[in-house]
Amino acid sequence: MARIVVDAMGSDEHPAPDVEGGVQAAREYGAEIIFVGDEAKIKPVLEKQNTQGLSIRIVHAPEMLTMEDKGEALVLKARSRESRNSMAVGMDLVKNGEADAFVTAGNTGAGMVTALFRLGRIRGVDRPGLAPIFPTATGSCIVLDIGANPDCKPENLLQFGILGSIYAEKVRGVKNPKVGLVSNGEEEGKGNELVRAATPLFKAARLNYFGNVEGKEVIGGSVDVAVTDGFTGNVMLKTAEAVAKLIVDFVRSAIKNGNLATKIGGLLVKPALGSLKKLMDPAEQGAAPMLGVNGLVFIGHGRSDAYAIKNAVRVAKEAVDVKVLDAMKTAIEESLKK
């Protein structure tokens, strides 16, 4: 049975969504759920749930990290052995072998810093990357990094490519995943200095390297893994989310303010609008993996509801079941032998 730690103090509305989603996941996916956080706040929410027959327990963590924790203060809280915040306590459970994965909807920066200090990196990985799933015309694409590393070196991009390829194959079930470098042109030689310097590394690596991809190729489904620096990736993510919301809102507004024929037509397209919204909804995946740390860590949106938390646990359990961490370690080790 996969043992998944859920940061009960992570979401903006904690602990209700975190606890409710964790309980739903325990029921649907058969995972053992370990809630970490303020026990006095978790228990009242948990007592309202039907937990009969489920494997659920609470590990008390009286403190929590917030968006206000930054800089040196955050580093101290992330690295201190005495830290009792929910992220530190939860990741220590993973590090000590008492749990298999950690899920949080808390501060992304705090999650990354805590993971680096508590779990460390996979040997051979310089910088972990955050890797969400983008919907595409042919299915989905893993994009990394999307914010953890605004500035990167060519070697960092290669490591992202290796990690993303393994994750796509093991967790997403993609055979021989195609890996592309995000650029401003498809032709080799296009792109900024970072992309051009990374190209020969990708061509020499044991990857199914597709070449350069523009944003339209990523969304069009040309590749299964799109590699970029955290600055560009974050802009891509925020833009994609905003455009999707704009389209849905615009169509709904046009239907609402239209004539009778428009309103009747709106009823006909309502299922399609629902499908589009679901396709772009980050709650469907729940959380993105932080690839490269020596442990399974998944970070979701602060606005996550119970449905998003449940799905985050599902994604974490899938990664545990296929032993993706071991596979990533092996792939990075092989890359170091060259």
C-alpha atoms as a PDB file:
ATOM      1  CA  MET A   1       0.000   0.000   0.000  1.00  0.00           C
ATOM      2  CA  ALA A   2       1.413   3.384  -1.037  1.00  0.00           C
ATOM      3  CA  ARG A   3       1.938   5.704   1.918  1.00  0.00           C
ATOM      4  CA  ILE A   4       1.210   9.302   0.914  1.00  0.00           C
ATOM      5  CA  VAL A   5       1.822  12.305   3.168  1.00  0.00           C
ATOM      6  CA  VAL A   6      -0.694  15.120   2.692  1.00  0.00           C
ATOM      7  CA  ASP A   7       0.236  18.564   3.984  1.00  0.00           C
ATOM      8  CA  ALA A   8      -3.007  19.436   5.763  1.00  0.00           C
ATOM      9  CA  MET A   9      -1.887  23.050   6.127  1.00  0.00           C
ATOM     10  CA  GLY A  10      -1.078  23.582   2.457  1.00  0.00           C
ATOM     11  CA  SER A  11      -4.109  24.974   0.643  1.00  0.00           C
ATOM     12  CA  ASP A  12      -5.439  28.506   0.965  1.00  0.00           C
ATOM     13  CA  GLU A  13      -8.502  27.154   2.795  1.00  0.00           C
ATOM     14  CA  HIS A  14      -6.638  24.590   4.912  1.00  0.00           C
ATOM     15  CA  PRO A  15      -7.249  22.171   6.430  1.00  0.00           C
ATOM     16  CA  ALA A  16     -10.721  21.327   5.046  1.00  0.00           C
ATOM     17  CA  PRO A  17      -9.883  20.728   1.339  1.00  0.00           C
ATOM     18  CA  ASP A  18      -6.641  18.951   2.207  1.00  0.00           C
ATOM     19  CA  VAL A  19      -8.291  16.578   4.679  1.00  0.00           C
ATOM     20  CA  GLU A  20     -11.442  15.959   2.637  1.00  0.00           C
ATOM     21  CA  GLY A  21      -9.405  15.274  -0.500  1.00  0.00           C
ATOM     22  CA  GLY A  22      -7.040  12.981   1.367  1.00  0.00           C
ATOM     23  CA  VAL A  23      -9.924  10.940   2.752  1.00  0.00           C
ATOM     24  CA  GLN A  24     -11.491  10.663  -0.715  1.00  0.00           C
ATOM     25  CA  ALA A  25      -8.150   9.462  -2.099  1.00  0.00           C
ATOM     26  CA  ALA A  26      -7.775   6.858   0.655  1.00  0.00           C
ATOM     27  CA  ARG A  27     -11.221   5.516  -0.221  1.00  0.00           C
ATOM     28  CA  GLU A  28     -10.850   5.564  -4.021  1.00  0.00           C
ATOM     29  CA  TYR A  29      -7.209   4.608  -4.467  1.00  0.00           C
ATOM     30  CA  GLY A  30      -6.504   2.439  -1.448  1.00  0.00           C
ATOM     31  CA  ALA A  31      -3.577   4.531  -0.260  1.00  0.00           C
ATOM     32  CA  GLU A  32      -2.510   5.083   3.330  1.00  0.00           C
ATOM     33  CA  ILE A  33      -2.874   8.790   4.053  1.00  0.00           C
ATOM     34  CA  ILE A  34      -0.709  10.542   6.616  1.00  0.00           C
ATOM     35  CA  PHE A  35      -1.919  14.041   7.411  1.00  0.00           C
ATOM     36  CA  VAL A  36       0.740  16.400   8.742  1.00  0.00           C
ATOM     37  CA  GLY A  37      -0.174  19.674  10.421  1.00  0.00           C
ATOM     38  CA  ASP A  38      -1.826  21.129  13.491  1.00  0.00           C
ATOM     39  CA  GLU A  39      -3.665  18.169  15.008  1.00  0.00           C
ATOM     40  CA  ALA A  40      -6.135  20.432  16.816  1.00  0.00           C
ATOM     41  CA  LYS A  41      -7.251  21.834  13.460  1.00  0.00           C
ATOM     42  CA  ILE A  42      -7.140  18.580  11.508  1.00  0.00           C
ATOM     43  CA  LYS A  43      -9.140  16.404  13.924  1.00  0.00           C
ATOM     44  CA  PRO A  44     -12.456  18.339  13.785  1.00  0.00           C
ATOM     45  CA  VAL A  45     -12.466  18.148   9.972  1.00  0.00           C
ATOM     46  CA  LEU A  46     -11.441  14.493   9.943  1.00  0.00           C
ATOM     47  CA  GLU A  47     -14.146  13.538  12.442  1.00  0.00           C
ATOM     48  CA  LYS A  48     -16.798  14.743   9.981  1.00  0.00           C
ATOM     49  CA  GLN A  49     -15.568  12.297   7.319  1.00  0.00           C
ATOM     50  CA  ASN A  50     -16.445   8.655   6.866  1.00  0.00           C
ATOM     51  CA  THR A  51     -13.087   7.020   7.536  1.00  0.00           C
ATOM     52  CA  GLN A  52     -14.298   3.522   8.380  1.00  0.00           C
ATOM     53  CA  GLY A  53     -11.926   0.894   7.007  1.00  0.00           C
ATOM     54  CA  LEU A  54      -9.456   3.503   5.753  1.00  0.00           C
ATOM     55  CA  SER A  55      -5.772   3.728   6.661  1.00  0.00           C
ATOM     56  CA  ILE A  56      -5.432   7.300   7.924  1.00  0.00           C
ATOM     57  CA  ARG A  57      -3.339   8.869  10.653  1.00  0.00           C
ATOM     58  CA  ILE A  58      -2.183  12.296  11.818  1.00  0.00           C
ATOM     59  CA  VAL A  59       1.364  13.418  12.524  1.00  0.00           C
ATOM     60  CA  HIS A  60       1.359  16.625  14.520  1.00  0.00           C
ATOM     61  CA  ALA A  61       3.249  19.613  13.093  1.00  0.00           C
ATOM     62  CA  PRO A  62       2.402  22.778  15.057  1.00  0.00           C
ATOM     63  CA  GLU A  63       3.919  25.223  12.564  1.00  0.00           C
ATOM     64  CA  MET A  64       3.430  25.994   8.865  1.00  0.00           C
ATOM     65  CA  LEU A  65       5.241  27.790   6.061  1.00  0.00           C
ATOM     66  CA  THR A  66       3.426  30.614   4.292  1.00  0.00           C
ATOM     67  CA  MET A  67       3.971  33.039   1.419  1.00  0.00           C
ATOM     68  CA  GLU A  68       5.590  35.360   3.959  1.00  0.00           C
ATOM     69  CA  ASP A  69       8.472  32.937   4.506  1.00  0.00           C
ATOM     70  CA  LYS A  70      11.253  34.031   2.171  1.00  0.00           C
ATOM     71  CA  GLY A  71      15.002  34.423   1.922  1.00  0.00           C
ATOM     72  CA  GLU A  72      17.215  33.569   4.853  1.00  0.00           C
ATOM     73  CA  ALA A  73      14.270  33.005   7.201  1.00  0.00           C
ATOM     74  CA  LEU A  74      12.864  30.361   4.854  1.00  0.00           C
ATOM     75  CA  VAL A  75      16.238  28.647   4.485  1.00  0.00           C
ATOM     76  CA  LEU A  76      16.591  28.419   8.266  1.00  0.00           C
ATOM     77  CA  LYS A  77      13.130  26.886   8.621  1.00  0.00           C
ATOM     78  CA  ALA A  78      13.772  24.487   5.748  1.00  0.00           C
ATOM     79  CA  ARG A  79      17.131  23.164   6.930  1.00  0.00           C
ATOM     80  CA  SER A  80      16.884  23.182  10.737  1.00  0.00           C
ATOM     81  CA  ARG A  81      16.578  19.746  12.326  1.00  0.00           C
ATOM     82  CA  GLU A  82      14.310  21.305  14.920  1.00  0.00           C
ATOM     83  CA  SER A  83      11.781  22.642  12.388  1.00  0.00           C
ATOM     84  CA  ARG A  84       8.223  21.575  13.167  1.00  0.00           C
ATOM     85  CA  ASN A  85       6.411  23.030  10.193  1.00  0.00           C
ATOM     86  CA  SER A  86       4.203  20.700   8.165  1.00  0.00           C
ATOM     87  CA  MET A  87       6.485  20.625   5.104  1.00  0.00           C
ATOM     88  CA  ALA A  88       9.607  19.775   7.096  1.00  0.00           C
ATOM     89  CA  VAL A  89       7.848  17.118   9.170  1.00  0.00           C
ATOM     90  CA  GLY A  90       6.171  15.588   6.132  1.00  0.00           C
ATOM     91  CA  MET A  91       9.320  15.405   4.035  1.00  0.00           C
ATOM     92  CA  ASP A  92      11.248  13.924   6.948  1.00  0.00           C
ATOM     93  CA  LEU A  93       8.728  11.059   6.938  1.00  0.00           C
ATOM     94  CA  VAL A  94       9.637  10.415   3.300  1.00  0.00           C
ATOM     95  CA  LYS A  95      13.365  10.746   3.963  1.00  0.00           C
ATOM     96  CA  ASN A  96      13.219   8.311   6.887  1.00  0.00           C
ATOM     97  CA  GLY A  97      11.305   5.699   4.885  1.00  0.00           C
ATOM     98  CA  GLU A  98       8.071   6.134   6.850  1.00  0.00           C
ATOM     99  CA  ALA A  99       6.214   7.389   3.763  1.00  0.00           C
ATOM    100  CA  ASP A 100       6.583   7.091  -0.012  1.00  0.00           C
ATOM    101  CA  ALA A 101       5.571  10.535  -1.292  1.00  0.00           C
ATOM    102  CA  PHE A 102       4.691  14.033  -0.111  1.00  0.00           C
ATOM    103  CA  VAL A 103       1.813  16.156  -1.451  1.00  0.00           C
ATOM    104  CA  THR A 104       1.259  19.840  -0.688  1.00  0.00           C
ATOM    105  CA  ALA A 105      -0.787  22.752  -1.997  1.00  0.00           C
ATOM    106  CA  GLY A 106       1.452  25.140  -0.101  1.00  0.00           C
ATOM    107  CA  ASN A 107       3.993  27.774  -1.102  1.00  0.00           C
ATOM    108  CA  THR A 108       5.888  26.445  -4.153  1.00  0.00           C
ATOM    109  CA  GLY A 109       9.141  28.190  -3.217  1.00  0.00           C
ATOM    110  CA  ALA A 110       8.950  26.870   0.319  1.00  0.00           C
ATOM    111  CA  GLY A 111       8.245  23.381  -0.981  1.00  0.00           C
ATOM    112  CA  MET A 112      11.259  23.443  -3.250  1.00  0.00           C
ATOM    113  CA  VAL A 113      13.666  24.841  -0.651  1.00  0.00           C
ATOM    114  CA  THR A 114      12.443  22.396   1.995  1.00  0.00           C
ATOM    115  CA  ALA A 115      12.770  19.467  -0.421  1.00  0.00           C
ATOM    116  CA  LEU A 116      16.335  20.458  -1.290  1.00  0.00           C
ATOM    117  CA  PHE A 117      17.413  20.657   2.349  1.00  0.00           C
ATOM    118  CA  ARG A 118      15.420  17.708   3.743  1.00  0.00           C
ATOM    119  CA  LEU A 119      15.659  15.245   0.835  1.00  0.00           C
ATOM    120  CA  GLY A 120      18.598  16.501  -1.208  1.00  0.00           C
ATOM    121  CA  ARG A 121      19.105  16.000  -4.944  1.00  0.00           C
ATOM    122  CA  ILE A 122      19.414  12.851  -6.983  1.00  0.00           C
ATOM    123  CA  ARG A 123      23.149  12.341  -7.527  1.00  0.00           C
ATOM    124  CA  GLY A 124      24.101  14.068 -10.753  1.00  0.00           C
ATOM    125  CA  VAL A 125      21.194  16.530 -10.730  1.00  0.00           C
ATOM    126  CA  ASP A 126      22.162  20.155 -10.173  1.00  0.00           C
ATOM    127  CA  ARG A 127      18.680  21.670 -10.061  1.00  0.00           C
ATOM    128  CA  PRO A 128      15.281  20.015  -9.637  1.00  0.00           C
ATOM    129  CA  GLY A 129      12.486  21.141 -11.935  1.00  0.00           C
ATOM    130  CA  LEU A 130       8.730  21.490 -11.517  1.00  0.00           C
ATOM    131  CA  ALA A 131       6.920  19.565 -14.254  1.00  0.00           C
ATOM    132  CA  PRO A 132       3.171  20.097 -14.797  1.00  0.00           C
ATOM    133  CA  ILE A 133       1.104  18.426 -17.504  1.00  0.00           C
ATOM    134  CA  PHE A 134      -0.062  20.594 -20.412  1.00  0.00           C
ATOM    135  CA  PRO A 135      -3.104  19.437 -22.428  1.00  0.00           C
ATOM    136  CA  THR A 136      -2.356  19.144 -26.147  1.00  0.00           C
ATOM    137  CA  ALA A 137      -4.156  18.343 -29.374  1.00  0.00           C
ATOM    138  CA  THR A 138      -3.006  14.726 -29.136  1.00  0.00           C
ATOM    139  CA  GLY A 139      -3.123  14.165 -25.376  1.00  0.00           C
ATOM    140  CA  SER A 140      -0.666  15.786 -22.998  1.00  0.00           C
ATOM    141  CA  CYS A 141       2.882  17.085 -22.652  1.00  0.00           C
ATOM    142  CA  ILE A 142       5.175  17.446 -19.655  1.00  0.00           C
ATOM    143  CA  VAL A 143       6.730  20.910 -19.513  1.00  0.00           C
ATOM    144  CA  LEU A 144       9.703  21.603 -17.263  1.00  0.00           C
ATOM    145  CA  ASP A 145      10.821  23.722 -15.658  1.00  0.00           C
ATOM    146  CA  ILE A 146       7.896  26.074 -14.990  1.00  0.00           C
ATOM    147  CA  GLY A 147       9.305  28.311 -12.303  1.00  0.00           C
ATOM    148  CA  ALA A 148      11.746  26.648  -9.948  1.00  0.00           C
ATOM    149  CA  ASN A 149      14.808  27.769 -11.962  1.00  0.00           C
ATOM    150  CA  PRO A 150      14.453  31.113 -13.810  1.00  0.00           C
ATOM    151  CA  ASP A 151      18.099  30.972 -14.910  1.00  0.00           C
ATOM    152  CA  CYS A 152      19.567  27.731 -16.223  1.00  0.00           C
ATOM    153  CA  LYS A 153      22.680  26.279 -17.795  1.00  0.00           C
ATOM    154  CA  PRO A 154      22.630  23.885 -20.789  1.00  0.00           C
ATOM    155  CA  GLU A 155      23.424  20.959 -18.456  1.00  0.00           C
ATOM    156  CA  ASN A 156      20.348  21.784 -16.383  1.00  0.00           C
ATOM    157  CA  LEU A 157      18.128  21.560 -19.458  1.00  0.00           C
ATOM    158  CA  LEU A 158      19.608  18.175 -20.353  1.00  0.00           C
ATOM    159  CA  GLN A 159      18.866  16.878 -16.863  1.00  0.00           C
ATOM    160  CA  PHE A 160      15.294  18.173 -17.176  1.00  0.00           C
ATOM    161  CA  GLY A 161      15.001  16.276 -20.455  1.00  0.00           C
ATOM    162  CA  ILE A 162      16.187  13.015 -18.910  1.00  0.00           C
ATOM    163  CA  LEU A 163      13.961  13.337 -15.843  1.00  0.00           C
ATOM    164  CA  GLY A 164      10.931  14.366 -17.877  1.00  0.00           C
ATOM    165  CA  SER A 165      11.426  11.502 -20.333  1.00  0.00           C
ATOM    166  CA  ILE A 166      11.532   8.915 -17.544  1.00  0.00           C
ATOM    167  CA  TYR A 167       8.464  10.409 -15.871  1.00  0.00           C
ATOM    168  CA  ALA A 168       6.531  10.450 -19.158  1.00  0.00           C
ATOM    169  CA  GLU A 169       7.395   6.821 -19.818  1.00  0.00           C
ATOM    170  CA  LYS A 170       6.894   5.386 -16.339  1.00  0.00           C
ATOM    171  CA  VAL A 171       3.994   7.444 -14.999  1.00  0.00           C
ATOM    172  CA  ARG A 172       2.247   8.710 -18.150  1.00  0.00           C
ATOM    173  CA  GLY A 173       2.702   5.453 -20.058  1.00  0.00           C
ATOM    174  CA  VAL A 174       4.338   7.052 -23.125  1.00  0.00           C
ATOM    175  CA  LYS A 175       6.618   4.698 -25.065  1.00  0.00           C
ATOM    176  CA  ASN A 176       9.886   6.279 -26.174  1.00  0.00           C
ATOM    177  CA  PRO A 177       8.704   9.846 -25.398  1.00  0.00           C
ATOM    178  CA  LYS A 178       9.726  12.613 -27.780  1.00  0.00           C
ATOM    179  CA  VAL A 179      11.674  15.422 -26.126  1.00  0.00           C
ATOM    180  CA  GLY A 180      11.856  18.957 -27.528  1.00  0.00           C
ATOM    181  CA  LEU A 181      13.635  22.188 -26.631  1.00  0.00           C
ATOM    182  CA  VAL A 182      11.318  25.192 -26.400  1.00  0.00           C
ATOM    183  CA  SER A 183      12.571  27.872 -28.801  1.00  0.00           C
ATOM    184  CA  ASN A 184      11.422  30.757 -30.989  1.00  0.00           C
ATOM    185  CA  GLY A 185      11.913  28.700 -34.138  1.00  0.00           C
ATOM    186  CA  GLU A 186      11.805  25.068 -35.233  1.00  0.00           C
ATOM    187  CA  GLU A 187      15.077  25.128 -37.154  1.00  0.00           C
ATOM    188  CA  GLU A 188      18.280  24.078 -35.449  1.00  0.00           C
ATOM    189  CA  GLY A 189      20.335  27.165 -34.691  1.00  0.00           C
ATOM    190  CA  LYS A 190      17.303  29.195 -33.661  1.00  0.00           C
ATOM    191  CA  GLY A 191      16.784  30.206 -30.050  1.00  0.00           C
ATOM    192  CA  ASN A 192      18.781  32.110 -27.481  1.00  0.00           C
ATOM    193  CA  GLU A 193      22.292  31.259 -26.339  1.00  0.00           C
ATOM    194  CA  LEU A 194      20.984  28.732 -23.786  1.00  0.00           C
ATOM    195  CA  VAL A 195      18.970  26.758 -26.353  1.00  0.00           C
ATOM    196  CA  ARG A 196      21.783  26.740 -28.902  1.00  0.00           C
ATOM    197  CA  ALA A 197      24.297  25.551 -26.292  1.00  0.00           C
ATOM    198  CA  ALA A 198      21.942  22.822 -25.072  1.00  0.00           C
ATOM    199  CA  THR A 199      21.238  21.417 -28.542  1.00  0.00           C
ATOM    200  CA  PRO A 200      24.440  19.343 -28.955  1.00  0.00           C
ATOM    201  CA  LEU A 201      23.974  17.912 -25.454  1.00  0.00           C
ATOM    202  CA  PHE A 202      20.474  16.716 -26.350  1.00  0.00           C
ATOM    203  CA  LYS A 203      21.620  15.294 -29.675  1.00  0.00           C
ATOM    204  CA  ALA A 204      24.326  13.252 -27.933  1.00  0.00           C
ATOM    205  CA  ALA A 205      22.084  12.013 -25.102  1.00  0.00           C
ATOM    206  CA  ARG A 206      20.101   8.771 -24.975  1.00  0.00           C
ATOM    207  CA  LEU A 207      16.854  10.576 -25.638  1.00  0.00           C
ATOM    208  CA  ASN A 208      14.293  10.522 -28.413  1.00  0.00           C
ATOM    209  CA  TYR A 209      15.253  14.081 -29.244  1.00  0.00           C
ATOM    210  CA  PHE A 210      12.758  15.829 -31.522  1.00  0.00           C
ATOM    211  CA  GLY A 211      14.553  19.167 -31.878  1.00  0.00           C
ATOM    212  CA  ASN A 212      13.350  22.722 -31.322  1.00  0.00           C
ATOM    213  CA  VAL A 213       9.653  23.318 -30.689  1.00  0.00           C
ATOM    214  CA  GLU A 214       7.700  26.544 -30.670  1.00  0.00           C
ATOM    215  CA  GLY A 215       4.708  27.038 -28.413  1.00  0.00           C
ATOM    216  CA  LYS A 216       2.356  25.938 -31.186  1.00  0.00           C
ATOM    217  CA  GLU A 217       4.168  22.597 -31.518  1.00  0.00           C
ATOM    218  CA  VAL A 218       3.935  22.013 -27.777  1.00  0.00           C
ATOM    219  CA  ILE A 219       0.164  22.611 -27.750  1.00  0.00           C
ATOM    220  CA  GLY A 220      -0.165  20.782 -31.068  1.00  0.00           C
ATOM    221  CA  GLY A 221       1.243  17.617 -29.506  1.00  0.00           C
ATOM    222  CA  SER A 222       4.514  17.317 -31.425  1.00  0.00           C
ATOM    223  CA  VAL A 223       6.427  16.272 -28.299  1.00  0.00           C
ATOM    224  CA  ASP A 224       5.754  14.459 -25.043  1.00  0.00           C
ATOM    225  CA  VAL A 225       8.281  16.464 -23.021  1.00  0.00           C
ATOM    226  CA  ALA A 226       9.044  20.156 -23.588  1.00  0.00           C
ATOM    227  CA  VAL A 227      12.194  21.441 -21.894  1.00  0.00           C
ATOM    228  CA  THR A 228      12.837  25.067 -21.009  1.00  0.00           C
ATOM    229  CA  ASP A 229      14.143  27.336 -18.270  1.00  0.00           C
ATOM    230  CA  GLY A 230      11.852  28.228 -15.374  1.00  0.00           C
ATOM    231  CA  PHE A 231      11.291  31.802 -16.548  1.00  0.00           C
ATOM    232  CA  THR A 232      10.032  30.808 -19.989  1.00  0.00           C
ATOM    233  CA  GLY A 233       8.102  27.842 -18.630  1.00  0.00           C
ATOM    234  CA  ASN A 234       6.290  29.950 -16.068  1.00  0.00           C
ATOM    235  CA  VAL A 235       5.285  32.479 -18.734  1.00  0.00           C
ATOM    236  CA  MET A 236       4.000  29.606 -20.886  1.00  0.00           C
ATOM    237  CA  LEU A 237       1.962  28.164 -18.023  1.00  0.00           C
ATOM    238  CA  LYS A 238       0.396  31.450 -16.903  1.00  0.00           C
ATOM    239  CA  THR A 239      -0.367  32.464 -20.492  1.00  0.00           C
ATOM    240  CA  ALA A 240      -1.987  29.116 -21.319  1.00  0.00           C
ATOM    241  CA  GLU A 241      -4.173  29.258 -18.202  1.00  0.00           C
ATOM    242  CA  ALA A 242      -5.202  32.858 -18.906  1.00  0.00           C
ATOM    243  CA  VAL A 243      -6.033  32.203 -22.578  1.00  0.00           C
ATOM    244  CA  ALA A 244      -8.135  29.153 -21.698  1.00  0.00           C
ATOM    245  CA  LYS A 245     -10.087  31.137 -19.105  1.00  0.00           C
ATOM    246  CA  LEU A 246     -10.520  34.039 -21.541  1.00  0.00           C
ATOM    247  CA  ILE A 247     -11.991  31.758 -24.221  1.00  0.00           C
ATOM    248  CA  VAL A 248     -14.473  30.120 -21.857  1.00  0.00           C
ATOM    249  CA  ASP A 249     -15.486  33.441 -20.264  1.00  0.00           C
ATOM    250  CA  PHE A 250     -15.846  35.157 -23.659  1.00  0.00           C
ATOM    251  CA  VAL A 251     -18.086  32.437 -25.074  1.00  0.00           C
ATOM    252  CA  ARG A 252     -20.217  32.343 -21.951  1.00  0.00           C
ATOM    253  CA  SER A 253     -20.594  36.131 -21.975  1.00  0.00           C
ATOM    254  CA  ALA A 254     -21.559  36.112 -25.654  1.00  0.00           C
ATOM    255  CA  ILE A 255     -24.221  33.467 -24.976  1.00  0.00           C
ATOM    256  CA  LYS A 256     -25.579  35.248 -21.901  1.00  0.00           C
ATOM    257  CA  ASN A 257     -25.858  38.616 -23.665  1.00  0.00           C
ATOM    258  CA  GLY A 258     -27.027  37.248 -27.015  1.00  0.00           C
ATOM    259  CA  ASN A 259     -30.489  36.876 -28.499  1.00  0.00           C
ATOM    260  CA  LEU A 260     -32.802  33.886 -28.099  1.00  0.00           C
ATOM    261  CA  ALA A 261     -31.141  31.949 -30.911  1.00  0.00           C
ATOM    262  CA  THR A 262     -27.740  32.503 -29.315  1.00  0.00           C
ATOM    263  CA  LYS A 263     -29.012  31.283 -25.951  1.00  0.00           C
ATOM    264  CA  ILE A 264     -30.479  28.144 -27.542  1.00  0.00           C
ATOM    265  CA  GLY A 265     -27.168  27.549 -29.298  1.00  0.00           C
ATOM    266  CA  GLY A 266     -25.450  28.050 -25.969  1.00  0.00           C
ATOM    267  CA  LEU A 267     -27.355  25.127 -24.493  1.00  0.00           C
ATOM    268  CA  LEU A 268     -26.050  22.960 -27.315  1.00  0.00           C
ATOM    269  CA  VAL A 269     -22.407  23.931 -26.786  1.00  0.00           C
ATOM    270  CA  LYS A 270     -22.572  23.811 -22.986  1.00  0.00           C
ATOM    271  CA  PRO A 271     -21.190  20.231 -22.794  1.00  0.00           C
ATOM    272  CA  ALA A 272     -18.278  21.230 -25.055  1.00  0.00           C
ATOM    273  CA  LEU A 273     -17.495  24.247 -22.865  1.00  0.00           C
ATOM    274  CA  GLY A 274     -17.529  21.976 -19.838  1.00  0.00           C
ATOM    275  CA  SER A 275     -15.093  19.613 -21.525  1.00  0.00           C
ATOM    276  CA  LEU A 276     -12.788  22.522 -22.429  1.00  0.00           C
ATOM    277  CA  LYS A 277     -12.826  23.836 -18.872  1.00  0.00           C
ATOM    278  CA  LYS A 278     -12.070  20.375 -17.514  1.00  0.00           C
ATOM    279  CA  LEU A 279      -9.218  19.947 -20.008  1.00  0.00           C
ATOM    280  CA  MET A 280      -7.517  23.129 -18.794  1.00  0.00           C
ATOM    281  CA  ASP A 281      -8.352  22.731 -15.113  1.00  0.00           C
ATOM    282  CA  PRO A 282      -5.172  22.116 -13.031  1.00  0.00           C
ATOM    283  CA  ALA A 283      -7.346  20.290 -10.500  1.00  0.00           C
ATOM    284  CA  GLU A 284      -7.543  17.337 -12.916  1.00  0.00           C
ATOM    285  CA  GLN A 285      -3.875  16.545 -12.275  1.00  0.00           C
ATOM    286  CA  GLY A 286      -3.912  17.986  -8.783  1.00  0.00           C
ATOM    287  CA  ALA A 287      -0.191  18.617  -8.466  1.00  0.00           C
ATOM    288  CA  ALA A 288       3.037  18.745 -10.438  1.00  0.00           C
ATOM    289  CA  PRO A 289       6.031  16.568  -9.555  1.00  0.00           C
ATOM    290  CA  MET A 290       9.283  18.167  -8.495  1.00  0.00           C
ATOM    291  CA  LEU A 291      11.695  16.083 -10.511  1.00  0.00           C
ATOM    292  CA  GLY A 292      15.288  15.791  -9.411  1.00  0.00           C
ATOM    293  CA  VAL A 293      14.961  15.743  -5.632  1.00  0.00           C
ATOM    294  CA  ASN A 294      15.783  12.488  -3.863  1.00  0.00           C
ATOM    295  CA  GLY A 295      12.190  11.747  -2.973  1.00  0.00           C
ATOM    296  CA  LEU A 296       8.727  12.054  -4.485  1.00  0.00           C
ATOM    297  CA  VAL A 297       7.346  15.557  -3.937  1.00  0.00           C
ATOM    298  CA  PHE A 298       4.198  16.945  -5.581  1.00  0.00           C
ATOM    299  CA  ILE A 299       3.112  20.583  -5.405  1.00  0.00           C
ATOM    300  CA  GLY A 300      -0.375  21.851  -6.262  1.00  0.00           C
ATOM    301  CA  HIS A 301      -2.125  25.220  -6.468  1.00  0.00           C
ATOM    302  CA  GLY A 302      -2.856  27.087  -3.257  1.00  0.00           C
ATOM    303  CA  ARG A 303      -6.475  27.358  -4.366  1.00  0.00           C
ATOM    304  CA  SER A 304      -6.802  23.550  -4.543  1.00  0.00           C
ATOM    305  CA  ASP A 305     -10.131  22.105  -3.468  1.00  0.00           C
ATOM    306  CA  ALA A 306     -10.796  18.565  -2.209  1.00  0.00           C
ATOM    307  CA  TYR A 307     -11.064  17.251  -5.784  1.00  0.00           C
ATOM    308  CA  ALA A 308      -7.624  18.644  -6.640  1.00  0.00           C
ATOM    309  CA  ILE A 309      -6.063  17.166  -3.498  1.00  0.00           C
ATOM    310  CA  LYS A 310      -7.619  13.781  -4.251  1.00  0.00           C
ATOM    311  CA  ASN A 311      -6.140  13.851  -7.744  1.00  0.00           C
ATOM    312  CA  ALA A 312      -2.767  14.979  -6.407  1.00  0.00           C
ATOM    313  CA  VAL A 313      -2.690  11.876  -4.217  1.00  0.00           C
ATOM    314  CA  ARG A 314      -3.632   9.751  -7.231  1.00  0.00           C
ATOM    315  CA  VAL A 315      -0.716  11.153  -9.251  1.00  0.00           C
ATOM    316  CA  ALA A 316       1.655  10.601  -6.326  1.00  0.00           C
ATOM    317  CA  LYS A 317       0.465   7.018  -5.873  1.00  0.00           C
ATOM    318  CA  GLU A 318       0.985   6.294  -9.575  1.00  0.00           C
ATOM    319  CA  ALA A 319       4.584   7.488  -9.283  1.00  0.00           C
ATOM    320  CA  VAL A 320       5.138   5.308  -6.221  1.00  0.00           C
ATOM    321  CA  ASP A 321       3.610   2.235  -7.850  1.00  0.00           C
ATOM    322  CA  VAL A 322       5.894   2.349 -10.912  1.00  0.00           C
ATOM    323  CA  LYS A 323       9.011   3.173  -8.860  1.00  0.00           C
ATOM    324  CA  VAL A 324       9.711   6.264 -10.951  1.00  0.00           C
ATOM    325  CA  LEU A 325      12.299   7.636  -8.505  1.00  0.00           C
ATOM    326  CA  ASP A 326      14.510   4.559  -8.938  1.00  0.00           C
ATOM    327  CA  ALA A 327      14.168   4.825 -12.719  1.00  0.00           C
ATOM    328  CA  MET A 328      15.211   8.494 -12.704  1.00  0.00           C
ATOM    329  CA  LYS A 329      18.236   7.720 -10.532  1.00  0.00           C
ATOM    330  CA  THR A 330      19.338   4.995 -12.946  1.00  0.00           C
ATOM    331  CA  ALA A 331      18.901   7.240 -15.991  1.00  0.00           C
ATOM    332  CA  ILE A 332      20.932  10.065 -14.451  1.00  0.00           C
ATOM    333  CA  GLU A 333      23.648   7.618 -13.376  1.00  0.00           C
ATOM    334  CA  GLU A 334      23.936   6.345 -16.965  1.00  0.00           C
ATOM    335  CA  SER A 335      24.206   9.902 -18.269  1.00  0.00           C
ATOM    336  CA  LEU A 336      27.153  10.537 -15.932  1.00  0.00           C
ATOM    337  CA  LYS A 337      29.121   7.640 -17.437  1.00  0.00           C
ATOM    338  CA  LYS A 338      29.540   9.422 -20.760  1.00  0.00           C
END
